[in-house]
Amino acid sequence: MKVRPLLPLFVITLVATPALASFSSRPDPPPSSSPSAPEASEQKTPRQEAEGIYNDAYNDVAKAKELLAGESPDKKKADKLFKRAIDRADDALKLDNNYYEALNLQGFSWRKLGNYKKSLEAYSACLKIQPDYAPAREYYGEALLESGDAAGAGEQLAYLKKLNADDLAKQLEAAIAAAPAATASKDKSKGGTAGGGQ
């Protein structure tokens, strides 16, 4: 009788048994927490859905800015993209009415379309939700400046400095410094003084 073939089988059994035992001592993860479960990837919170829509709107704005910055700017196509971005931001806000970034995007898009009333309303709504959101402060200042409210733009600049948002403060400061000639020509073309912002 040969003992040798039984020894490897005995050793394999001893080695394999603890390893198999450790697998059975761990509970299986619940199906809903499994990243590969189809239900987990399909169910999104309203905020997650809003973020997806917002990303599309943001891409529209980026494309519109590229069209305006090109060698031969295409304002008509850019305007269509800004309008679509506004609509998409509206859809995002229907899912999450506190999505202040979507309001900021609307303010920017309305400003680029030349509708300062709606632009200022969107920035104001954004800043009511998130008063320290520096990008909205800078854009709001530019919208106020472009609509003839240099004092309001100065208030936004002071707020940006208070927030230590130095880069954004420099951008708004440069716009304010370049504005006196543009603001004066707007005032003359309107036949009076430009009205206040909010």
C-alpha atoms as a PDB file:
ATOM      1  CA  MET A   1       0.000   0.000   0.000  1.00  0.00           C
ATOM      2  CA  LYS A   2       1.278   3.397  -0.985  1.00  0.00           C
ATOM      3  CA  VAL A   3       0.762   6.213   1.498  1.00  0.00           C
ATOM      4  CA  ARG A   4       2.220   8.879  -0.650  1.00  0.00           C
ATOM      5  CA  PRO A   5      -0.797   9.655  -2.871  1.00  0.00           C
ATOM      6  CA  LEU A   6      -2.996  10.161   0.156  1.00  0.00           C
ATOM      7  CA  LEU A   7      -0.671  12.694   1.734  1.00  0.00           C
ATOM      8  CA  PRO A   8      -1.085  15.300  -1.038  1.00  0.00           C
ATOM      9  CA  LEU A   9      -4.860  14.831  -0.942  1.00  0.00           C
ATOM     10  CA  PHE A  10      -4.826  15.246   2.850  1.00  0.00           C
ATOM     11  CA  VAL A  11      -2.694  18.414   2.585  1.00  0.00           C
ATOM     12  CA  ILE A  12      -4.933  19.876  -0.130  1.00  0.00           C
ATOM     13  CA  THR A  13      -7.995  19.211   2.003  1.00  0.00           C
ATOM     14  CA  LEU A  14      -6.431  20.938   5.017  1.00  0.00           C
ATOM     15  CA  VAL A  15      -5.322  23.949   2.979  1.00  0.00           C
ATOM     16  CA  ALA A  16      -8.561  24.307   1.024  1.00  0.00           C
ATOM     17  CA  THR A  17     -10.941  23.933   3.952  1.00  0.00           C
ATOM     18  CA  PRO A  18      -9.982  27.158   5.805  1.00  0.00           C
ATOM     19  CA  ALA A  19     -10.039  29.135   2.568  1.00  0.00           C
ATOM     20  CA  LEU A  20     -13.482  27.868   1.685  1.00  0.00           C
ATOM     21  CA  ALA A  21     -14.677  28.474   5.212  1.00  0.00           C
ATOM     22  CA  SER A  22     -13.626  32.137   5.073  1.00  0.00           C
ATOM     23  CA  PHE A  23     -15.756  32.740   1.960  1.00  0.00           C
ATOM     24  CA  SER A  24     -18.835  31.324   3.580  1.00  0.00           C
ATOM     25  CA  SER A  25     -18.426  33.469   6.699  1.00  0.00           C
ATOM     26  CA  ARG A  26     -18.866  36.702   4.727  1.00  0.00           C
ATOM     27  CA  PRO A  27     -22.382  37.742   3.825  1.00  0.00           C
ATOM     28  CA  ASP A  28     -23.154  38.522   0.216  1.00  0.00           C
ATOM     29  CA  PRO A  29     -23.631  42.238  -0.433  1.00  0.00           C
ATOM     30  CA  PRO A  30     -27.236  43.257  -0.980  1.00  0.00           C
ATOM     31  CA  PRO A  31     -28.165  43.469  -4.669  1.00  0.00           C
ATOM     32  CA  SER A  32     -28.995  47.182  -4.486  1.00  0.00           C
ATOM     33  CA  SER A  33     -25.488  48.132  -3.371  1.00  0.00           C
ATOM     34  CA  SER A  34     -23.828  46.158  -6.143  1.00  0.00           C
ATOM     35  CA  PRO A  35     -22.464  48.627  -8.711  1.00  0.00           C
ATOM     36  CA  SER A  36     -23.239  46.223 -11.548  1.00  0.00           C
ATOM     37  CA  ALA A  37     -26.891  45.801 -10.618  1.00  0.00           C
ATOM     38  CA  PRO A  38     -29.021  47.389 -13.376  1.00  0.00           C
ATOM     39  CA  GLU A  39     -31.496  48.826 -10.872  1.00  0.00           C
ATOM     40  CA  ALA A  40     -28.740  50.760  -9.071  1.00  0.00           C
ATOM     41  CA  SER A  41     -27.518  52.461 -12.230  1.00  0.00           C
ATOM     42  CA  GLU A  42     -31.026  53.330 -13.450  1.00  0.00           C
ATOM     43  CA  GLN A  43     -32.350  54.903 -10.256  1.00  0.00           C
ATOM     44  CA  LYS A  44     -31.150  58.458  -9.875  1.00  0.00           C
ATOM     45  CA  THR A  45     -32.068  61.068  -7.340  1.00  0.00           C
ATOM     46  CA  PRO A  46     -33.704  64.249  -8.644  1.00  0.00           C
ATOM     47  CA  ARG A  47     -30.412  66.061  -7.986  1.00  0.00           C
ATOM     48  CA  GLN A  48     -28.461  63.520 -10.045  1.00  0.00           C
ATOM     49  CA  GLU A  49     -30.927  63.917 -12.907  1.00  0.00           C
ATOM     50  CA  ALA A  50     -30.665  67.704 -12.583  1.00  0.00           C
ATOM     51  CA  GLU A  51     -26.870  67.489 -12.702  1.00  0.00           C
ATOM     52  CA  GLY A  52     -27.004  65.518 -15.944  1.00  0.00           C
ATOM     53  CA  ILE A  53     -29.284  68.111 -17.515  1.00  0.00           C
ATOM     54  CA  TYR A  54     -27.111  70.933 -16.158  1.00  0.00           C
ATOM     55  CA  ASN A  55     -24.014  69.355 -17.724  1.00  0.00           C
ATOM     56  CA  ASP A  56     -25.752  69.419 -21.112  1.00  0.00           C
ATOM     57  CA  ALA A  57     -26.671  73.078 -20.580  1.00  0.00           C
ATOM     58  CA  TYR A  58     -23.094  73.882 -19.569  1.00  0.00           C
ATOM     59  CA  ASN A  59     -21.818  72.216 -22.750  1.00  0.00           C
ATOM     60  CA  ASP A  60     -24.247  74.335 -24.790  1.00  0.00           C
ATOM     61  CA  VAL A  61     -22.836  77.486 -23.207  1.00  0.00           C
ATOM     62  CA  ALA A  62     -19.262  76.339 -23.857  1.00  0.00           C
ATOM     63  CA  LYS A  63     -20.073  75.693 -27.537  1.00  0.00           C
ATOM     64  CA  ALA A  64     -21.803  79.072 -27.826  1.00  0.00           C
ATOM     65  CA  LYS A  65     -18.778  80.836 -26.361  1.00  0.00           C
ATOM     66  CA  GLU A  66     -16.547  79.024 -28.871  1.00  0.00           C
ATOM     67  CA  LEU A  67     -18.787  80.139 -31.737  1.00  0.00           C
ATOM     68  CA  LEU A  68     -18.541  83.745 -30.567  1.00  0.00           C
ATOM     69  CA  ALA A  69     -14.771  83.582 -30.085  1.00  0.00           C
ATOM     70  CA  GLY A  70     -14.030  82.087 -33.515  1.00  0.00           C
ATOM     71  CA  GLU A  71     -12.534  83.915 -36.476  1.00  0.00           C
ATOM     72  CA  SER A  72     -15.977  84.443 -37.963  1.00  0.00           C
ATOM     73  CA  PRO A  73     -18.372  84.536 -34.990  1.00  0.00           C
ATOM     74  CA  ASP A  74     -21.744  82.897 -35.580  1.00  0.00           C
ATOM     75  CA  LYS A  75     -24.070  84.832 -33.285  1.00  0.00           C
ATOM     76  CA  LYS A  76     -27.211  83.160 -34.634  1.00  0.00           C
ATOM     77  CA  LYS A  77     -26.015  79.640 -33.719  1.00  0.00           C
ATOM     78  CA  ALA A  78     -24.585  80.877 -30.419  1.00  0.00           C
ATOM     79  CA  ASP A  79     -27.915  82.473 -29.506  1.00  0.00           C
ATOM     80  CA  LYS A  80     -29.720  79.190 -30.206  1.00  0.00           C
ATOM     81  CA  LEU A  81     -27.303  77.395 -27.889  1.00  0.00           C
ATOM     82  CA  PHE A  82     -27.757  80.007 -25.148  1.00  0.00           C
ATOM     83  CA  LYS A  83     -31.551  79.635 -25.443  1.00  0.00           C
ATOM     84  CA  ARG A  84     -31.295  75.847 -25.260  1.00  0.00           C
ATOM     85  CA  ALA A  85     -29.026  76.159 -22.216  1.00  0.00           C
ATOM     86  CA  ILE A  86     -31.650  78.327 -20.512  1.00  0.00           C
ATOM     87  CA  ASP A  87     -34.347  75.745 -21.248  1.00  0.00           C
ATOM     88  CA  ARG A  88     -32.179  72.924 -19.964  1.00  0.00           C
ATOM     89  CA  ALA A  89     -31.362  74.871 -16.816  1.00  0.00           C
ATOM     90  CA  ASP A  90     -35.127  75.334 -16.333  1.00  0.00           C
ATOM     91  CA  ASP A  91     -35.537  71.556 -16.544  1.00  0.00           C
ATOM     92  CA  ALA A  92     -32.777  71.085 -13.972  1.00  0.00           C
ATOM     93  CA  LEU A  93     -34.437  73.609 -11.670  1.00  0.00           C
ATOM     94  CA  LYS A  94     -37.746  71.744 -11.910  1.00  0.00           C
ATOM     95  CA  LEU A  95     -35.943  68.739 -10.422  1.00  0.00           C
ATOM     96  CA  ASP A  96     -34.010  70.762  -7.831  1.00  0.00           C
ATOM     97  CA  ASN A  97     -35.183  74.328  -7.255  1.00  0.00           C
ATOM     98  CA  ASN A  98     -32.117  75.063  -5.102  1.00  0.00           C
ATOM     99  CA  TYR A  99     -29.686  74.346  -7.931  1.00  0.00           C
ATOM    100  CA  TYR A 100     -28.005  77.724  -7.766  1.00  0.00           C
ATOM    101  CA  GLU A 101     -25.407  76.835 -10.437  1.00  0.00           C
ATOM    102  CA  ALA A 102     -28.275  76.395 -12.922  1.00  0.00           C
ATOM    103  CA  LEU A 103     -29.546  79.866 -12.031  1.00  0.00           C
ATOM    104  CA  ASN A 104     -26.054  81.261 -12.525  1.00  0.00           C
ATOM    105  CA  LEU A 105     -25.885  79.597 -15.942  1.00  0.00           C
ATOM    106  CA  GLN A 106     -29.236  81.128 -16.851  1.00  0.00           C
ATOM    107  CA  GLY A 107     -28.032  84.548 -15.769  1.00  0.00           C
ATOM    108  CA  PHE A 108     -24.949  84.205 -17.953  1.00  0.00           C
ATOM    109  CA  SER A 109     -26.966  83.007 -20.950  1.00  0.00           C
ATOM    110  CA  TRP A 110     -29.579  85.754 -20.630  1.00  0.00           C
ATOM    111  CA  ARG A 111     -26.784  88.309 -20.378  1.00  0.00           C
ATOM    112  CA  LYS A 112     -25.160  86.979 -23.553  1.00  0.00           C
ATOM    113  CA  LEU A 113     -28.560  87.250 -25.263  1.00  0.00           C
ATOM    114  CA  GLY A 114     -28.810  90.884 -24.114  1.00  0.00           C
ATOM    115  CA  ASN A 115     -31.783  90.384 -21.782  1.00  0.00           C
ATOM    116  CA  TYR A 116     -30.417  92.105 -18.683  1.00  0.00           C
ATOM    117  CA  LYS A 117     -33.696  92.060 -16.790  1.00  0.00           C
ATOM    118  CA  LYS A 118     -33.889  88.257 -16.853  1.00  0.00           C
ATOM    119  CA  SER A 119     -30.135  87.962 -16.351  1.00  0.00           C
ATOM    120  CA  LEU A 120     -30.222  90.073 -13.211  1.00  0.00           C
ATOM    121  CA  GLU A 121     -33.243  88.151 -11.897  1.00  0.00           C
ATOM    122  CA  ALA A 122     -31.429  84.831 -12.364  1.00  0.00           C
ATOM    123  CA  TYR A 123     -28.252  86.056 -10.656  1.00  0.00           C
ATOM    124  CA  SER A 124     -30.274  87.526  -7.817  1.00  0.00           C
ATOM    125  CA  ALA A 125     -32.145  84.230  -7.317  1.00  0.00           C
ATOM    126  CA  CYS A 126     -28.841  82.331  -7.394  1.00  0.00           C
ATOM    127  CA  LEU A 127     -27.315  84.589  -4.758  1.00  0.00           C
ATOM    128  CA  LYS A 128     -30.371  84.324  -2.518  1.00  0.00           C
ATOM    129  CA  ILE A 129     -29.711  80.589  -2.336  1.00  0.00           C
ATOM    130  CA  GLN A 130     -25.902  80.811  -2.151  1.00  0.00           C
ATOM    131  CA  PRO A 131     -24.773  84.365  -1.228  1.00  0.00           C
ATOM    132  CA  ASP A 132     -21.066  83.486  -1.240  1.00  0.00           C
ATOM    133  CA  TYR A 133     -21.038  81.932  -4.723  1.00  0.00           C
ATOM    134  CA  ALA A 134     -18.221  84.020  -6.155  1.00  0.00           C
ATOM    135  CA  PRO A 135     -18.682  83.206  -9.882  1.00  0.00           C
ATOM    136  CA  ALA A 136     -22.259  84.510  -9.719  1.00  0.00           C
ATOM    137  CA  ARG A 137     -21.069  87.658  -7.930  1.00  0.00           C
ATOM    138  CA  GLU A 138     -18.593  88.364 -10.726  1.00  0.00           C
ATOM    139  CA  TYR A 139     -21.099  87.708 -13.531  1.00  0.00           C
ATOM    140  CA  TYR A 140     -23.782  89.658 -11.663  1.00  0.00           C
ATOM    141  CA  GLY A 141     -21.374  92.585 -11.441  1.00  0.00           C
ATOM    142  CA  GLU A 142     -20.733  92.400 -15.185  1.00  0.00           C
ATOM    143  CA  ALA A 143     -24.461  92.278 -15.928  1.00  0.00           C
ATOM    144  CA  LEU A 144     -25.055  95.288 -13.679  1.00  0.00           C
ATOM    145  CA  LEU A 145     -22.210  97.141 -15.376  1.00  0.00           C
ATOM    146  CA  GLU A 146     -23.448  96.284 -18.877  1.00  0.00           C
ATOM    147  CA  SER A 147     -26.948  97.434 -17.944  1.00  0.00           C
ATOM    148  CA  GLY A 148     -25.572 100.777 -16.760  1.00  0.00           C
ATOM    149  CA  ASP A 149     -25.346 100.218 -12.990  1.00  0.00           C
ATOM    150  CA  ALA A 150     -21.673 100.904 -12.286  1.00  0.00           C
ATOM    151  CA  ALA A 151     -22.375 101.430  -8.570  1.00  0.00           C
ATOM    152  CA  GLY A 152     -24.021  97.998  -8.337  1.00  0.00           C
ATOM    153  CA  ALA A 153     -21.045  96.449 -10.102  1.00  0.00           C
ATOM    154  CA  GLY A 154     -18.785  98.149  -7.546  1.00  0.00           C
ATOM    155  CA  GLU A 155     -20.801  96.554  -4.732  1.00  0.00           C
ATOM    156  CA  GLN A 156     -20.258  93.123  -6.284  1.00  0.00           C
ATOM    157  CA  LEU A 157     -16.541  93.858  -6.586  1.00  0.00           C
ATOM    158  CA  ALA A 158     -16.394  94.749  -2.889  1.00  0.00           C
ATOM    159  CA  TYR A 159     -18.196  91.490  -2.042  1.00  0.00           C
ATOM    160  CA  LEU A 160     -15.719  89.488  -4.165  1.00  0.00           C
ATOM    161  CA  LYS A 161     -12.819  91.105  -2.305  1.00  0.00           C
ATOM    162  CA  LYS A 162     -14.496  90.249   0.999  1.00  0.00           C
ATOM    163  CA  LEU A 163     -14.705  86.621  -0.198  1.00  0.00           C
ATOM    164  CA  ASN A 164     -11.009  86.704  -1.167  1.00  0.00           C
ATOM    165  CA  ALA A 165     -11.991  85.688  -4.695  1.00  0.00           C
ATOM    166  CA  ASP A 166      -9.005  87.531  -6.105  1.00  0.00           C
ATOM    167  CA  ASP A 167      -9.081  86.253  -9.698  1.00  0.00           C
ATOM    168  CA  LEU A 168     -12.774  87.007 -10.103  1.00  0.00           C
ATOM    169  CA  ALA A 169     -12.338  90.394  -8.426  1.00  0.00           C
ATOM    170  CA  LYS A 170      -9.574  91.237 -10.926  1.00  0.00           C
ATOM    171  CA  GLN A 171     -11.848  90.292 -13.841  1.00  0.00           C
ATOM    172  CA  LEU A 172     -14.675  92.478 -12.608  1.00  0.00           C
ATOM    173  CA  GLU A 173     -12.276  95.282 -11.737  1.00  0.00           C
ATOM    174  CA  ALA A 174     -10.903  95.195 -15.294  1.00  0.00           C
ATOM    175  CA  ALA A 175     -14.436  95.296 -16.721  1.00  0.00           C
ATOM    176  CA  ILE A 176     -15.290  98.279 -14.506  1.00  0.00           C
ATOM    177  CA  ALA A 177     -12.107 100.080 -15.543  1.00  0.00           C
ATOM    178  CA  ALA A 178     -12.905  99.536 -19.229  1.00  0.00           C
ATOM    179  CA  ALA A 179     -16.571 100.502 -18.882  1.00  0.00           C
ATOM    180  CA  PRO A 180     -16.755 104.306 -18.530  1.00  0.00           C
ATOM    181  CA  ALA A 181     -16.637 104.946 -22.275  1.00  0.00           C
ATOM    182  CA  ALA A 182     -19.054 102.128 -23.041  1.00  0.00           C
ATOM    183  CA  THR A 183     -21.464 103.154 -20.271  1.00  0.00           C
ATOM    184  CA  ALA A 184     -21.420 106.788 -21.404  1.00  0.00           C
ATOM    185  CA  SER A 185     -22.200 105.809 -24.994  1.00  0.00           C
ATOM    186  CA  LYS A 186     -25.092 103.577 -23.830  1.00  0.00           C
ATOM    187  CA  ASP A 187     -26.494 106.455 -21.769  1.00  0.00           C
ATOM    188  CA  LYS A 188     -26.367 108.794 -24.788  1.00  0.00           C
ATOM    189  CA  SER A 189     -27.981 106.243 -27.094  1.00  0.00           C
ATOM    190  CA  LYS A 190     -30.839 105.710 -24.613  1.00  0.00           C
ATOM    191  CA  GLY A 191     -31.394 109.434 -24.291  1.00  0.00           C
ATOM    192  CA  GLY A 192     -30.865 109.521 -20.545  1.00  0.00           C
ATOM    193  CA  THR A 193     -29.310 107.677 -17.676  1.00  0.00           C
ATOM    194  CA  ALA A 194     -29.249 103.951 -17.316  1.00  0.00           C
ATOM    195  CA  GLY A 195     -31.467 102.511 -14.600  1.00  0.00           C
ATOM    196  CA  GLY A 196     -30.417 100.557 -11.523  1.00  0.00           C
ATOM    197  CA  GLY A 197     -29.900  96.833 -11.337  1.00  0.00           C
ATOM    198  CA  GLN A 198     -32.162  94.844  -9.048  1.00  0.00           C
END
